[in-house]
């Protein structure tokens, strides 16, 4: 019988735990290593509705990108969202595992998946991991575009490739780009790394106001595709890769399709 520990061994080949950022909480969030696993769901977030549906569906292991527990808990209050999720998961014997920055930084992890989806050929890492980490590991990627295009055309191409309705631009829409940096999720903190690179455009899921000002002042461009838009592609990638290695063991792996972006746009007029 396949156990939670067996699945984690496969996951940590894809996303080595040593690559997680120090502030992060990757790994087993709820459950026990010896619990049996027959059904797995993969989701971006351990949302209450995702966990509830997984419990009803008799799922044994929920794999998410974002951790359920980011900071130590002083108590488990079942009236609070996290406490309720923990109680529901334990009651249904549902284990929850997170592969967050470990998967972001891994070679062939989320940033390489995002680069392929965007038609970018990665040549190097934007913010490399430590010297003892595997080659090609670290946050973000830099690479050549399929063809040179303006910032505005690139934004439209990115939206089409990711199935997004819109993206936010920073800089001159007519700026010509032939090389781009990218980082899934909250990549604004890597703005100095982008500005130190030769890339003309930075594509990421979250840029703050002053970071955007720095990019524009440097004559560069950026495309903010939203946190959800930059990371939801992990669901299909992780589910597909796990399904391939676990098929012979009779474990069913499903990509959860219940999640939607928490942000919505309102147009006036």
Protein backbone atom coordinates (compact mmCIF):
# COMPACT_ATOMS: atom_id res chain seq x y z
CA UNK A 1 0.00 0.00 0.00
CA UNK A 2 1.31 3.45 -0.94
CA UNK A 3 1.73 5.72 2.09
CA UNK A 4 1.94 9.48 2.57
CA UNK A 5 5.70 9.03 3.07
CA UNK A 6 5.98 7.23 -0.29
CA UNK A 7 4.26 10.09 -2.13
CA UNK A 8 6.38 12.68 -0.33
CA UNK A 9 9.52 10.91 -1.53
CA UNK A 10 8.35 11.44 -5.13
CA UNK A 11 7.35 15.03 -4.41
CA UNK A 12 10.70 15.88 -2.90
CA UNK A 13 12.47 14.63 -5.99
CA UNK A 14 10.40 17.20 -7.92
CA UNK A 15 10.69 19.86 -5.21
CA UNK A 16 13.61 19.21 -2.82
CA UNK A 17 12.81 20.41 0.70
CA UNK A 18 16.28 21.98 0.99
CA UNK A 19 15.31 24.54 -1.68
CA UNK A 20 12.53 26.06 0.44
CA UNK A 21 13.08 29.62 1.65
CA UNK A 22 13.84 29.93 5.38
CA UNK A 23 10.59 31.80 6.08
CA UNK A 24 8.48 29.16 4.32
CA UNK A 25 6.70 26.11 5.73
CA UNK A 26 6.84 23.45 3.06
CA UNK A 27 6.13 19.83 3.90
CA UNK A 28 3.43 17.86 5.68
CA UNK A 29 0.89 20.24 7.22
CA UNK A 30 -1.68 17.76 8.57
CA UNK A 31 -1.68 13.98 8.88
CA UNK A 32 0.82 11.18 9.41
CA UNK A 33 3.51 9.65 7.24
CA UNK A 34 2.12 6.12 7.55
CA UNK A 35 -1.42 6.94 6.39
CA UNK A 36 -2.38 4.98 3.25
CA UNK A 37 -2.94 6.87 -0.01
CA UNK A 38 -5.28 5.77 -2.78
CA UNK A 39 -6.61 9.14 -3.98
CA UNK A 40 -4.70 12.42 -4.34
CA UNK A 41 -5.90 15.91 -5.22
CA UNK A 42 -3.61 18.75 -6.31
CA UNK A 43 -4.68 22.36 -5.68
CA UNK A 44 -3.10 25.80 -5.42
CA UNK A 45 -4.51 26.66 -1.98
CA UNK A 46 -5.90 24.59 0.93
CA UNK A 47 -9.13 26.58 0.82
CA UNK A 48 -12.03 25.56 3.09
CA UNK A 49 -14.13 24.60 0.07
CA UNK A 50 -11.27 22.55 -1.43
CA UNK A 51 -10.61 20.67 1.81
CA UNK A 52 -14.34 20.12 2.40
CA UNK A 53 -14.80 18.71 -1.12
CA UNK A 54 -11.72 16.51 -0.73
CA UNK A 55 -13.10 15.13 2.53
CA UNK A 56 -16.46 14.37 0.92
CA UNK A 57 -14.68 12.73 -2.01
CA UNK A 58 -12.68 10.45 0.31
CA UNK A 59 -9.37 11.88 -0.86
CA UNK A 60 -6.40 10.65 1.18
CA UNK A 61 -3.82 13.34 0.36
CA UNK A 62 -4.25 16.96 -0.71
CA UNK A 63 -1.12 18.51 -2.24
CA UNK A 64 -1.11 22.30 -2.40
CA UNK A 65 1.34 24.98 -3.44
CA UNK A 66 0.60 27.42 -0.62
CA UNK A 67 0.97 26.08 2.92
CA UNK A 68 -1.99 25.72 5.25
CA UNK A 69 0.19 26.79 8.18
CA UNK A 70 2.61 29.68 7.52
CA UNK A 71 3.31 30.64 11.13
CA UNK A 72 3.28 28.61 14.38
CA UNK A 73 -0.21 28.27 15.83
CA UNK A 74 -0.77 29.17 19.48
CA UNK A 75 -4.03 27.21 19.49
CA UNK A 76 -6.33 25.32 17.15
CA UNK A 77 -9.62 27.18 17.24
CA UNK A 78 -12.18 25.29 15.17
CA UNK A 79 -14.23 28.49 14.84
CA UNK A 80 -11.36 30.02 12.84
CA UNK A 81 -10.74 29.04 9.18
CA UNK A 82 -7.39 27.28 9.71
CA UNK A 83 -8.64 25.44 12.79
CA UNK A 84 -11.77 24.31 10.98
CA UNK A 85 -9.70 23.04 8.04
CA UNK A 86 -7.38 21.11 10.37
CA UNK A 87 -10.35 19.58 12.21
CA UNK A 88 -12.09 18.60 8.97
CA UNK A 89 -8.91 17.09 7.52
CA UNK A 90 -8.11 15.07 10.62
CA UNK A 91 -11.70 13.90 10.93
CA UNK A 92 -11.66 12.61 7.36
CA UNK A 93 -8.13 11.18 7.56
CA UNK A 94 -7.03 13.66 4.87
CA UNK A 95 -3.31 14.49 4.87
CA UNK A 96 -2.25 17.90 3.54
CA UNK A 97 1.19 18.56 2.05
CA UNK A 98 2.64 21.81 0.68
CA UNK A 99 5.35 22.24 -1.96
CA UNK A 100 5.76 26.02 -2.08
CA UNK A 101 9.13 27.76 -2.59
CA UNK A 102 10.78 24.34 -2.85
CA UNK A 103 8.82 23.82 -6.09
CA UNK A 104 9.32 27.45 -7.18
CA UNK A 105 13.10 27.09 -7.03
CA UNK A 106 13.47 23.53 -8.31
CA UNK A 107 14.91 22.79 -11.74
CA UNK A 108 11.85 21.92 -13.87
CA UNK A 109 9.70 23.44 -11.12
CA UNK A 110 7.10 26.17 -11.38
CA UNK A 111 9.32 28.87 -12.90
CA UNK A 112 10.49 26.56 -15.67
CA UNK A 113 6.87 25.48 -16.27
CA UNK A 114 5.86 29.17 -16.49
CA UNK A 115 8.71 29.94 -18.88
CA UNK A 116 7.64 27.15 -21.25
CA UNK A 117 4.03 28.33 -21.17
CA UNK A 118 5.15 31.85 -22.06
CA UNK A 119 7.37 30.74 -24.93
CA UNK A 120 10.51 31.84 -23.11
CA UNK A 121 13.68 29.75 -23.37
CA UNK A 122 15.37 30.03 -19.95
CA UNK A 123 19.11 30.65 -20.07
CA UNK A 124 19.74 31.34 -16.38
CA UNK A 125 18.15 31.77 -12.96
CA UNK A 126 17.07 35.25 -11.85
CA UNK A 127 18.03 34.73 -8.18
CA UNK A 128 20.16 31.61 -7.85
CA UNK A 129 19.92 29.31 -4.85
CA UNK A 130 22.91 28.58 -2.62
CA UNK A 131 26.16 27.14 -3.94
CA UNK A 132 25.30 23.67 -2.59
CA UNK A 133 21.95 23.57 -4.40
CA UNK A 134 21.40 21.68 -7.67
CA UNK A 135 22.43 23.46 -10.85
CA UNK A 136 19.60 25.53 -12.32
CA UNK A 137 17.81 26.00 -9.01
CA UNK A 138 16.64 29.32 -7.62
CA UNK A 139 13.78 31.81 -7.91
CA UNK A 140 12.80 33.19 -11.30
CA UNK A 141 14.24 32.69 -14.75
CA UNK A 142 15.69 34.84 -17.56
CA UNK A 143 15.46 33.91 -21.22
CA UNK A 144 14.84 34.85 -24.81
CA UNK A 145 11.37 35.41 -26.20
CA UNK A 146 10.14 33.44 -29.20
CA UNK A 147 10.43 36.69 -31.17
CA UNK A 148 11.04 40.36 -30.35
CA UNK A 149 7.83 42.27 -29.59
CA UNK A 150 6.61 45.39 -27.85
CA UNK A 151 5.67 45.38 -24.20
CA UNK A 152 1.99 45.76 -25.10
CA UNK A 153 2.11 42.90 -27.63
CA UNK A 154 3.98 40.73 -25.15
CA UNK A 155 1.32 41.39 -22.51
CA UNK A 156 -1.40 40.33 -24.93
CA UNK A 157 0.57 37.20 -25.84
CA UNK A 158 1.10 36.34 -22.15
CA UNK A 159 -2.63 36.72 -21.43
CA UNK A 160 -3.50 34.48 -24.38
CA UNK A 161 -1.02 31.79 -23.33
CA UNK A 162 -2.23 31.77 -19.70
CA UNK A 163 -5.93 32.25 -20.36
CA UNK A 164 -6.06 35.60 -18.57
CA UNK A 165 -8.51 38.39 -19.29
CA UNK A 166 -6.09 41.17 -18.41
CA UNK A 167 -2.66 42.12 -17.06
CA UNK A 168 -1.16 45.31 -15.65
CA UNK A 169 1.68 47.03 -17.52
CA UNK A 170 4.57 49.08 -16.17
CA UNK A 171 6.60 51.21 -18.58
CA UNK A 172 6.30 52.30 -22.19
CA UNK A 173 3.87 50.01 -24.07
CA UNK A 174 6.05 50.47 -27.20
CA UNK A 175 9.21 49.26 -25.45
CA UNK A 176 10.81 46.53 -27.57
CA UNK A 177 11.70 43.31 -25.77
CA UNK A 178 13.69 40.31 -26.91
CA UNK A 179 14.61 38.96 -23.46
CA UNK A 180 12.45 38.69 -20.34
CA UNK A 181 12.83 37.86 -16.69
CA UNK A 182 10.00 36.07 -14.91
CA UNK A 183 9.06 34.92 -11.45
CA UNK A 184 5.88 33.18 -10.35
CA UNK A 185 3.94 34.54 -7.38
CA UNK A 186 5.14 37.56 -5.39
CA UNK A 187 8.15 38.36 -7.53
CA UNK A 188 8.31 42.07 -6.78
CA UNK A 189 11.03 41.48 -4.20
CA UNK A 190 13.32 40.36 -7.04
CA UNK A 191 13.00 43.71 -8.83
CA UNK A 192 16.68 44.57 -8.04
CA UNK A 193 17.75 41.26 -9.60
CA UNK A 194 15.70 42.08 -12.70
CA UNK A 195 17.19 45.58 -12.95
CA UNK A 196 20.69 44.09 -12.65
CA UNK A 197 19.95 41.73 -15.55
CA UNK A 198 19.98 42.47 -19.29
CA UNK A 199 16.25 41.64 -19.67
CA UNK A 200 13.99 44.42 -20.90
CA UNK A 201 10.77 43.12 -19.32
CA UNK A 202 9.84 41.46 -16.03
CA UNK A 203 6.81 39.14 -15.91
CA UNK A 204 5.57 38.24 -12.44
CA UNK A 205 2.52 37.72 -10.29
CA UNK A 206 2.82 40.68 -7.93
CA UNK A 207 4.60 44.04 -8.16
CA UNK A 208 4.25 46.78 -5.54
CA UNK A 209 3.92 50.47 -6.36
CA UNK A 210 7.49 51.57 -5.56
CA UNK A 211 8.95 48.54 -7.31
CA UNK A 212 6.94 49.50 -10.40
CA UNK A 213 8.25 53.07 -10.12
CA UNK A 214 11.84 51.79 -10.04
CA UNK A 215 11.24 49.68 -13.14
CA UNK A 216 9.68 52.55 -15.08
CA UNK A 217 12.44 54.96 -14.00
CA UNK A 218 15.04 52.54 -15.35
CA UNK A 219 13.36 52.55 -18.76
CA UNK A 220 12.34 48.91 -18.40
CA UNK A 221 8.94 47.25 -18.50
CA UNK A 222 6.94 44.83 -16.38
CA UNK A 223 3.80 42.74 -16.74
CA UNK A 224 1.89 41.94 -13.56
CA UNK A 225 -0.19 38.84 -14.34
CA UNK A 226 -1.59 38.35 -10.84
CA UNK A 227 -0.51 35.87 -8.18
CA UNK A 228 -3.20 33.33 -9.08
CA UNK A 229 -2.58 33.69 -12.81
CA UNK A 230 1.12 33.05 -12.43
CA UNK A 231 0.79 29.98 -10.21
CA UNK A 232 -2.35 28.04 -11.04
CA UNK A 233 -0.40 26.17 -13.74
CA UNK A 234 1.29 24.20 -10.96
CA UNK A 235 -1.88 22.17 -10.48
CA UNK A 236 -1.76 20.45 -13.85
CA UNK A 237 2.02 20.04 -13.84
CA UNK A 238 2.26 18.39 -10.41
CA UNK A 239 -0.82 16.23 -11.03
CA UNK A 240 0.51 14.99 -14.37
CA UNK A 241 3.97 14.21 -13.08
CA UNK A 242 2.67 12.40 -9.99
CA UNK A 243 0.12 10.45 -12.02
CA UNK A 244 2.91 9.09 -14.22
CA UNK A 245 4.96 7.73 -11.32
CA UNK A 246 2.02 6.49 -9.23
CA UNK A 247 -0.09 4.86 -11.96
CA UNK A 248 1.56 1.46 -11.46
CA UNK A 249 0.73 1.64 -7.74
CA UNK A 250 -2.98 2.16 -8.39
CA UNK A 251 -3.06 5.69 -6.95
CA UNK A 252 -5.51 8.11 -8.58
CA UNK A 253 -4.25 11.70 -8.99
CA UNK A 254 -6.71 14.51 -9.81
CA UNK A 255 -6.13 18.18 -10.64
CA UNK A 256 -8.61 20.16 -8.52
CA UNK A 257 -10.68 22.59 -10.60
CA UNK A 258 -12.62 24.31 -7.79
CA UNK A 259 -10.41 27.38 -7.33
CA UNK A 260 -10.92 30.83 -8.80
CA UNK A 261 -8.88 34.00 -8.47
CA UNK A 262 -9.79 35.89 -5.29
CA UNK A 263 -9.54 39.19 -7.20
CA UNK A 264 -12.20 40.38 -9.65
CA UNK A 265 -12.20 43.42 -11.93
CA UNK A 266 -14.93 46.03 -12.02
CA UNK A 267 -15.25 48.21 -15.12
CA UNK A 268 -16.94 51.59 -14.99
CA UNK A 269 -18.88 52.77 -18.03
